[in-house]
PDB file of N, CA and C in Angstrom:
ATOM      1  N   MET A   1     -36.341-117.258  23.215  1.00  0.00           N
ATOM      2  CA  MET A   1     -35.461-115.920  23.541  1.00  0.00           C
ATOM      3  C   MET A   1     -34.164-116.506  23.799  1.00  0.00           C
ATOM      4  N   GLN A   2     -33.190-115.563  23.260  1.00  0.00           N
ATOM      5  CA  GLN A   2     -31.875-115.624  23.288  1.00  0.00           C
ATOM      6  C   GLN A   2     -31.315-115.556  24.826  1.00  0.00           C
ATOM      7  N   ALA A   3     -30.194-116.163  25.037  1.00  0.00           N
ATOM      8  CA  ALA A   3     -29.675-116.341  26.463  1.00  0.00           C
ATOM      9  C   ALA A   3     -29.282-114.741  26.849  1.00  0.00           C
ATOM     10  N   GLY A   4     -28.819-114.096  26.163  1.00  0.00           N
ATOM     11  CA  GLY A   4     -28.545-112.398  26.475  1.00  0.00           C
ATOM     12  C   GLY A   4     -29.653-111.655  26.648  1.00  0.00           C
ATOM     13  N   HIS A   5     -30.817-111.869  26.100  1.00  0.00           N
ATOM     14  CA  HIS A   5     -31.991-111.291  26.380  1.00  0.00           C
ATOM     15  C   HIS A   5     -32.392-111.606  27.665  1.00  0.00           C
ATOM     16  N   ARG A   6     -32.515-112.918  27.900  1.00  0.00           N
ATOM     17  CA  ARG A   6     -32.958-113.577  29.281  1.00  0.00           C
ATOM     18  C   ARG A   6     -32.233-112.692  30.456  1.00  0.00           C
ATOM     19  N   GLU A   7     -30.904-112.631  30.243  1.00  0.00           N
ATOM     20  CA  GLU A   7     -29.992-112.034  31.210  1.00  0.00           C
ATOM     21  C   GLU A   7     -30.430-110.416  31.349  1.00  0.00           C
ATOM     22  N   VAL A   8     -30.696-109.857  30.341  1.00  0.00           N
ATOM     23  CA  VAL A   8     -31.263-108.482  30.462  1.00  0.00           C
ATOM     24  C   VAL A   8     -32.426-108.259  30.979  1.00  0.00           C
ATOM     25  N   GLU A   9     -33.322-109.310  30.529  1.00  0.00           N
ATOM     26  CA  GLU A   9     -34.825-109.177  31.154  1.00  0.00           C
ATOM     27  C   GLU A   9     -34.764-109.576  32.623  1.00  0.00           C
ATOM     28  N   THR A  10     -33.882-110.475  33.282  1.00  0.00           N
ATOM     29  CA  THR A  10     -33.800-110.667  34.604  1.00  0.00           C
ATOM     30  C   THR A  10     -33.178-109.596  35.318  1.00  0.00           C
ATOM     31  N   GLU A  11     -32.242-108.946  34.807  1.00  0.00           N
ATOM     32  CA  GLU A  11     -31.674-107.733  35.445  1.00  0.00           C
ATOM     33  C   GLU A  11     -32.704-106.406  35.341  1.00  0.00           C
ATOM     34  N   ALA A  12     -33.454-106.343  34.349  1.00  0.00           N
ATOM     35  CA  ALA A  12     -34.490-105.458  34.298  1.00  0.00           C
ATOM     36  C   ALA A  12     -35.585-105.534  35.219  1.00  0.00           C
ATOM     37  N   LEU A  13     -36.217-106.883  35.284  1.00  0.00           N
ATOM     38  CA  LEU A  13     -36.991-106.971  36.602  1.00  0.00           C
ATOM     39  C   LEU A  13     -36.452-106.748  38.048  1.00  0.00           C
ATOM     40  N   ALA A  14     -35.188-107.239  38.317  1.00  0.00           N
ATOM     41  CA  ALA A  14     -34.690-107.045  39.527  1.00  0.00           C
ATOM     42  C   ALA A  14     -34.750-105.497  39.642  1.00  0.00           C
ATOM     43  N   LEU A  15     -34.303-104.541  38.572  1.00  0.00           N
ATOM     44  CA  LEU A  15     -34.245-103.068  39.032  1.00  0.00           C
ATOM     45  C   LEU A  15     -35.666-102.729  39.234  1.00  0.00           C
ATOM     46  N   LEU A  16     -36.693-103.296  38.555  1.00  0.00           N
ATOM     47  CA  LEU A  16     -38.050-102.770  38.717  1.00  0.00           C
ATOM     48  C   LEU A  16     -38.588-103.093  40.074  1.00  0.00           C
ATOM     49  N   VAL A  17     -38.097-104.237  40.481  1.00  0.00           N
ATOM     50  CA  VAL A  17     -38.576-104.746  41.985  1.00  0.00           C
ATOM     51  C   VAL A  17     -38.000-103.571  42.794  1.00  0.00           C
ATOM     52  N   LYS A  18     -36.571-103.381  42.863  1.00  0.00           N
ATOM     53  CA  LYS A  18     -35.975-102.405  43.681  1.00  0.00           C
ATOM     54  C   LYS A  18     -36.441-101.028  43.592  1.00  0.00           C
ATOM     55  N   LEU A  19     -36.919-100.539  42.345  1.00  0.00           N
ATOM     56  CA  LEU A  19     -37.734 -99.323  42.189  1.00  0.00           C
ATOM     57  C   LEU A  19     -38.832 -99.142  43.000  1.00  0.00           C
ATOM     58  N   ARG A  20     -39.752-100.271  42.860  1.00  0.00           N
ATOM     59  CA  ARG A  20     -40.980-100.242  43.440  1.00  0.00           C
ATOM     60  C   ARG A  20     -40.763-100.204  44.961  1.00  0.00           C
ATOM     61  N   GLU A  21     -39.845-100.909  45.441  1.00  0.00           N
ATOM     62  CA  GLU A  21     -39.470-100.886  47.094  1.00  0.00           C
ATOM     63  C   GLU A  21     -39.237 -99.482  47.450  1.00  0.00           C
ATOM     64  N   ARG A  22     -38.258 -98.915  46.714  1.00  0.00           N
ATOM     65  CA  ARG A  22     -37.851 -97.729  47.105  1.00  0.00           C
ATOM     66  C   ARG A  22     -38.982 -96.564  46.886  1.00  0.00           C
ATOM     67  N   GLN A  23     -39.781 -96.648  46.027  1.00  0.00           N
ATOM     68  CA  GLN A  23     -41.084 -95.812  45.738  1.00  0.00           C
ATOM     69  C   GLN A  23     -41.809 -95.966  46.958  1.00  0.00           C
ATOM     70  N   ALA A  24     -42.133 -97.272  47.426  1.00  0.00           N
ATOM     71  CA  ALA A  24     -43.032 -97.460  48.615  1.00  0.00           C
ATOM     72  C   ALA A  24     -42.317 -96.839  49.942  1.00  0.00           C
ATOM     73  N   LEU A  25     -41.118 -96.890  50.070  1.00  0.00           N
ATOM     74  CA  LEU A  25     -40.345 -96.330  51.117  1.00  0.00           C
ATOM     75  C   LEU A  25     -40.290 -95.011  51.126  1.00  0.00           C
ATOM     76  N   TRP A  26     -40.327 -94.238  50.074  1.00  0.00           N
ATOM     77  CA  TRP A  26     -40.277 -92.746  49.978  1.00  0.00           C
ATOM     78  C   TRP A  26     -41.580 -92.380  50.270  1.00  0.00           C
ATOM     79  N   PHE A  27     -42.808 -93.051  49.667  1.00  0.00           N
ATOM     80  CA  PHE A  27     -44.027 -92.440  50.155  1.00  0.00           C
ATOM     81  C   PHE A  27     -44.348 -92.636  51.467  1.00  0.00           C
ATOM     82  N   ASN A  28     -43.980 -93.683  52.026  1.00  0.00           N
ATOM     83  CA  ASN A  28     -44.112 -93.961  53.529  1.00  0.00           C
ATOM     84  C   ASN A  28     -43.495 -92.880  54.265  1.00  0.00           C
ATOM     85  N   SER A  29     -42.196 -92.540  54.066  1.00  0.00           N
ATOM     86  CA  SER A  29     -41.422 -91.654  54.787  1.00  0.00           C
ATOM     87  C   SER A  29     -42.254 -90.127  54.474  1.00  0.00           C
ATOM     88  N   GLN A  30     -42.819 -89.891  53.360  1.00  0.00           N
ATOM     89  CA  GLN A  30     -43.422 -88.569  53.369  1.00  0.00           C
ATOM     90  C   GLN A  30     -44.820 -88.687  54.234  1.00  0.00           C
ATOM     91  N   LYS A  31     -45.479 -89.776  54.339  1.00  0.00           N
ATOM     92  CA  LYS A  31     -46.525 -89.851  55.143  1.00  0.00           C
ATOM     93  C   LYS A  31     -46.214 -89.530  56.647  1.00  0.00           C
ATOM     94  N   LEU A  32     -44.869 -90.080  56.936  1.00  0.00           N
ATOM     95  CA  LEU A  32     -44.617 -89.962  58.205  1.00  0.00           C
ATOM     96  C   LEU A  32     -44.297 -88.650  58.656  1.00  0.00           C
ATOM     97  N   ALA A  33     -43.636 -87.971  57.466  1.00  0.00           N
ATOM     98  CA  ALA A  33     -43.151 -86.497  57.574  1.00  0.00           C
ATOM     99  C   ALA A  33     -44.336 -85.564  57.976  1.00  0.00           C
ATOM    100  N   PHE A  34     -45.553 -85.906  56.952  1.00  0.00           N
ATOM    101  CA  PHE A  34     -46.715 -85.196  56.992  1.00  0.00           C
ATOM    102  C   PHE A  34     -47.328 -85.380  58.481  1.00  0.00           C
ATOM    103  N   ASP A  35     -47.524 -86.588  58.930  1.00  0.00           N
ATOM    104  CA  ASP A  35     -47.934 -86.948  60.287  1.00  0.00           C
ATOM    105  C   ASP A  35     -47.389 -86.299  61.470  1.00  0.00           C
ATOM    106  N   ALA A  36     -45.974 -86.168  61.219  1.00  0.00           N
ATOM    107  CA  ALA A  36     -45.094 -85.606  62.354  1.00  0.00           C
ATOM    108  C   ALA A  36     -45.323 -84.111  62.424  1.00  0.00           C
ATOM    109  N   ALA A  37     -45.613 -83.445  61.293  1.00  0.00           N
ATOM    110  CA  ALA A  37     -45.825 -82.068  61.310  1.00  0.00           C
ATOM    111  C   ALA A  37     -47.085 -81.721  61.795  1.00  0.00           C
ATOM    112  N   MET A  38     -48.268 -82.662  61.482  1.00  0.00           N
ATOM    113  CA  MET A  38     -49.572 -82.351  61.996  1.00  0.00           C
ATOM    114  C   MET A  38     -49.586 -82.468  63.595  1.00  0.00           C
ATOM    115  N   MET A  39     -48.708 -83.579  64.159  1.00  0.00           N
ATOM    116  CA  MET A  39     -48.703 -83.710  65.332  1.00  0.00           C
ATOM    117  C   MET A  39     -48.208 -82.577  66.230  1.00  0.00           C
ATOM    118  N   GLN A  40     -47.311 -81.895  65.513  1.00  0.00           N
ATOM    119  CA  GLN A  40     -46.471 -80.586  66.041  1.00  0.00           C
ATOM    120  C   GLN A  40     -47.144 -79.490  65.740  1.00  0.00           C
ATOM    121  N   ASN A  41     -48.516 -79.576  65.201  1.00  0.00           N
ATOM    122  CA  ASN A  41     -49.273 -78.385  64.791  1.00  0.00           C
ATOM    123  C   ASN A  41     -48.544 -77.530  63.628  1.00  0.00           C
ATOM    124  N   ASN A  42     -47.585 -77.957  62.872  1.00  0.00           N
ATOM    125  CA  ASN A  42     -46.938 -77.254  61.949  1.00  0.00           C
ATOM    126  C   ASN A  42     -47.559 -77.363  60.757  1.00  0.00           C
ATOM    127  N   TRP A  43     -48.820 -76.674  60.546  1.00  0.00           N
ATOM    128  CA  TRP A  43     -49.621 -76.944  59.377  1.00  0.00           C
ATOM    129  C   TRP A  43     -48.948 -76.457  57.997  1.00  0.00           C
ATOM    130  N   LYS A  44     -48.082 -75.402  58.057  1.00  0.00           N
ATOM    131  CA  LYS A  44     -47.292 -74.767  56.878  1.00  0.00           C
ATOM    132  C   LYS A  44     -46.272 -76.278  56.344  1.00  0.00           C
ATOM    133  N   LYS A  45     -45.607 -76.896  57.283  1.00  0.00           N
ATOM    134  CA  LYS A  45     -44.900 -77.842  56.891  1.00  0.00           C
ATOM    135  C   LYS A  45     -45.749 -78.962  56.364  1.00  0.00           C
ATOM    136  N   ALA A  46     -46.686 -79.345  57.002  1.00  0.00           N
ATOM    137  CA  ALA A  46     -47.557 -80.486  56.739  1.00  0.00           C
ATOM    138  C   ALA A  46     -48.059 -80.254  55.038  1.00  0.00           C
ATOM    139  N   GLU A  47     -48.604 -79.064  55.114  1.00  0.00           N
ATOM    140  CA  GLU A  47     -49.058 -78.600  53.558  1.00  0.00           C
ATOM    141  C   GLU A  47     -47.951 -78.712  52.606  1.00  0.00           C
ATOM    142  N   LYS A  48     -46.780 -78.156  53.001  1.00  0.00           N
ATOM    143  CA  LYS A  48     -45.584 -78.386  51.825  1.00  0.00           C
ATOM    144  C   LYS A  48     -45.344 -79.746  51.448  1.00  0.00           C
ATOM    145  N   VAL A  49     -45.203 -80.802  52.558  1.00  0.00           N
ATOM    146  CA  VAL A  49     -45.034 -82.075  52.388  1.00  0.00           C
ATOM    147  C   VAL A  49     -46.348 -82.793  51.547  1.00  0.00           C
ATOM    148  N   ALA A  50     -47.341 -82.334  51.698  1.00  0.00           N
ATOM    149  CA  ALA A  50     -48.554 -83.030  50.964  1.00  0.00           C
ATOM    150  C   ALA A  50     -48.465 -82.468  49.573  1.00  0.00           C
ATOM    151  N   GLU A  51     -48.274 -81.224  49.332  1.00  0.00           N
ATOM    152  CA  GLU A  51     -48.264 -80.537  48.020  1.00  0.00           C
ATOM    153  C   GLU A  51     -47.039 -81.192  47.230  1.00  0.00           C
ATOM    154  N   PHE A  52     -45.836 -81.060  47.847  1.00  0.00           N
ATOM    155  CA  PHE A  52     -44.828 -81.876  47.088  1.00  0.00           C
ATOM    156  C   PHE A  52     -45.023 -83.293  46.658  1.00  0.00           C
ATOM    157  N   THR A  53     -45.588 -84.115  47.612  1.00  0.00           N
ATOM    158  CA  THR A  53     -45.947 -85.593  47.409  1.00  0.00           C
ATOM    159  C   THR A  53     -47.078 -85.548  46.398  1.00  0.00           C
ATOM    160  N   LYS A  54     -48.000 -84.845  46.367  1.00  0.00           N
ATOM    161  CA  LYS A  54     -49.024 -84.748  45.318  1.00  0.00           C
ATOM    162  C   LYS A  54     -48.602 -84.344  43.886  1.00  0.00           C
ATOM    163  N   ALA A  55     -47.550 -83.443  43.882  1.00  0.00           N
ATOM    164  CA  ALA A  55     -46.860 -83.422  42.664  1.00  0.00           C
ATOM    165  C   ALA A  55     -46.024 -84.657  41.962  1.00  0.00           C
ATOM    166  N   VAL A  56     -45.731 -85.371  42.879  1.00  0.00           N
ATOM    167  CA  VAL A  56     -44.884 -86.588  42.531  1.00  0.00           C
ATOM    168  C   VAL A  56     -45.867 -87.825  42.046  1.00  0.00           C
ATOM    169  N   TYR A  57     -46.947 -87.714  42.524  1.00  0.00           N
ATOM    170  CA  TYR A  57     -48.056 -88.800  42.445  1.00  0.00           C
ATOM    171  C   TYR A  57     -49.177 -88.114  41.742  1.00  0.00           C
ATOM    172  N   SER A  58     -48.968 -87.897  40.532  1.00  0.00           N
ATOM    173  CA  SER A  58     -49.869 -87.075  39.592  1.00  0.00           C
ATOM    174  C   SER A  58     -50.495 -87.965  38.561  1.00  0.00           C
ATOM    175  N   ARG A  59     -50.550 -89.351  38.761  1.00  0.00           N
ATOM    176  CA  ARG A  59     -51.040 -90.376  37.635  1.00  0.00           C
ATOM    177  C   ARG A  59     -52.144 -91.050  38.386  1.00  0.00           C
ATOM    178  N   VAL A  60     -53.342 -90.638  38.023  1.00  0.00           N
ATOM    179  CA  VAL A  60     -54.596 -91.468  38.639  1.00  0.00           C
ATOM    180  C   VAL A  60     -54.662 -92.989  38.745  1.00  0.00           C
ATOM    181  N   GLU A  61     -53.566 -93.494  38.052  1.00  0.00           N
ATOM    182  CA  GLU A  61     -53.591 -94.982  37.809  1.00  0.00           C
ATOM    183  C   GLU A  61     -52.917 -95.546  39.009  1.00  0.00           C
ATOM    184  N   ASP A  62     -52.282 -94.616  39.958  1.00  0.00           N
ATOM    185  CA  ASP A  62     -51.440 -94.970  41.185  1.00  0.00           C
ATOM    186  C   ASP A  62     -52.259 -94.638  42.365  1.00  0.00           C
ATOM    187  N   GLN A  63     -52.360 -95.750  43.330  1.00  0.00           N
ATOM    188  CA  GLN A  63     -53.342 -95.548  44.277  1.00  0.00           C
ATOM    189  C   GLN A  63     -53.023 -94.446  45.098  1.00  0.00           C
ATOM    190  N   ARG A  64     -51.335 -94.192  45.100  1.00  0.00           N
ATOM    191  CA  ARG A  64     -51.017 -93.141  46.042  1.00  0.00           C
ATOM    192  C   ARG A  64     -51.458 -92.041  45.686  1.00  0.00           C
ATOM    193  N   TYR A  65     -51.981 -91.703  44.395  1.00  0.00           N
ATOM    194  CA  TYR A  65     -52.704 -90.408  43.793  1.00  0.00           C
ATOM    195  C   TYR A  65     -53.686 -89.999  44.687  1.00  0.00           C
ATOM    196  N   PHE A  66     -54.739 -90.972  44.972  1.00  0.00           N
ATOM    197  CA  PHE A  66     -55.746 -90.787  45.858  1.00  0.00           C
ATOM    198  C   PHE A  66     -55.390 -90.521  47.231  1.00  0.00           C
ATOM    199  N   ASP A  67     -54.474 -91.305  47.761  1.00  0.00           N
ATOM    200  CA  ASP A  67     -54.124 -91.341  49.264  1.00  0.00           C
ATOM    201  C   ASP A  67     -53.558 -90.238  49.649  1.00  0.00           C
ATOM    202  N   VAL A  68     -52.695 -89.292  48.905  1.00  0.00           N
ATOM    203  CA  VAL A  68     -52.155 -88.274  49.166  1.00  0.00           C
ATOM    204  C   VAL A  68     -53.033 -87.135  49.102  1.00  0.00           C
ATOM    205  N   ARG A  69     -54.073 -87.175  48.360  1.00  0.00           N
ATOM    206  CA  ARG A  69     -55.031 -86.111  48.264  1.00  0.00           C
ATOM    207  C   ARG A  69     -56.027 -86.181  49.400  1.00  0.00           C
ATOM    208  N   LYS A  70     -56.023 -87.273  50.331  1.00  0.00           N
ATOM    209  CA  LYS A  70     -56.746 -87.284  51.510  1.00  0.00           C
ATOM    210  C   LYS A  70     -55.974 -86.586  52.590  1.00  0.00           C
ATOM    211  N   TRP A  71     -54.841 -86.230  52.498  1.00  0.00           N
ATOM    212  CA  TRP A  71     -53.976 -85.475  53.540  1.00  0.00           C
ATOM    213  C   TRP A  71     -54.504 -84.146  53.629  1.00  0.00           C
ATOM    214  N   LYS A  72     -55.067 -83.791  54.744  1.00  0.00           N
ATOM    215  CA  LYS A  72     -55.308 -82.238  54.822  1.00  0.00           C
ATOM    216  C   LYS A  72     -54.797 -81.659  56.059  1.00  0.00           C
ATOM    217  N   ALA A  73     -53.958 -80.571  55.938  1.00  0.00           N
ATOM    218  CA  ALA A  73     -53.052 -79.890  56.884  1.00  0.00           C
ATOM    219  C   ALA A  73     -54.123 -78.891  57.606  1.00  0.00           C
ATOM    220  N   GLY A  74     -54.236 -79.025  59.032  1.00  0.00           N
ATOM    221  CA  GLY A  74     -55.055 -78.021  59.606  1.00  0.00           C
ATOM    222  C   GLY A  74     -55.465 -78.890  60.826  1.00  0.00           C
ATOM    223  N   PRO A  75     -56.075 -78.013  61.772  1.00  0.00           N
ATOM    224  CA  PRO A  75     -56.524 -78.401  63.093  1.00  0.00           C
ATOM    225  C   PRO A  75     -57.606 -79.341  62.860  1.00  0.00           C
TER     226      PRO A  75
END
């Protein structure tokens, strides 16, 4: 592999790691928002958070697809 290609590959891998980290943070923040709405008995908000997160994680290859579909808003 040429030196220039190695640099590009290294940069691409670093960006991929950063993307994965941010995806995990975003998912966790959505879960916290859902849980907070549930604790406040705000079922509408919990449902909105769950539906939005379901739309983002629409690929069955991603474990979060299944996780978010377990979120049920209501008493």
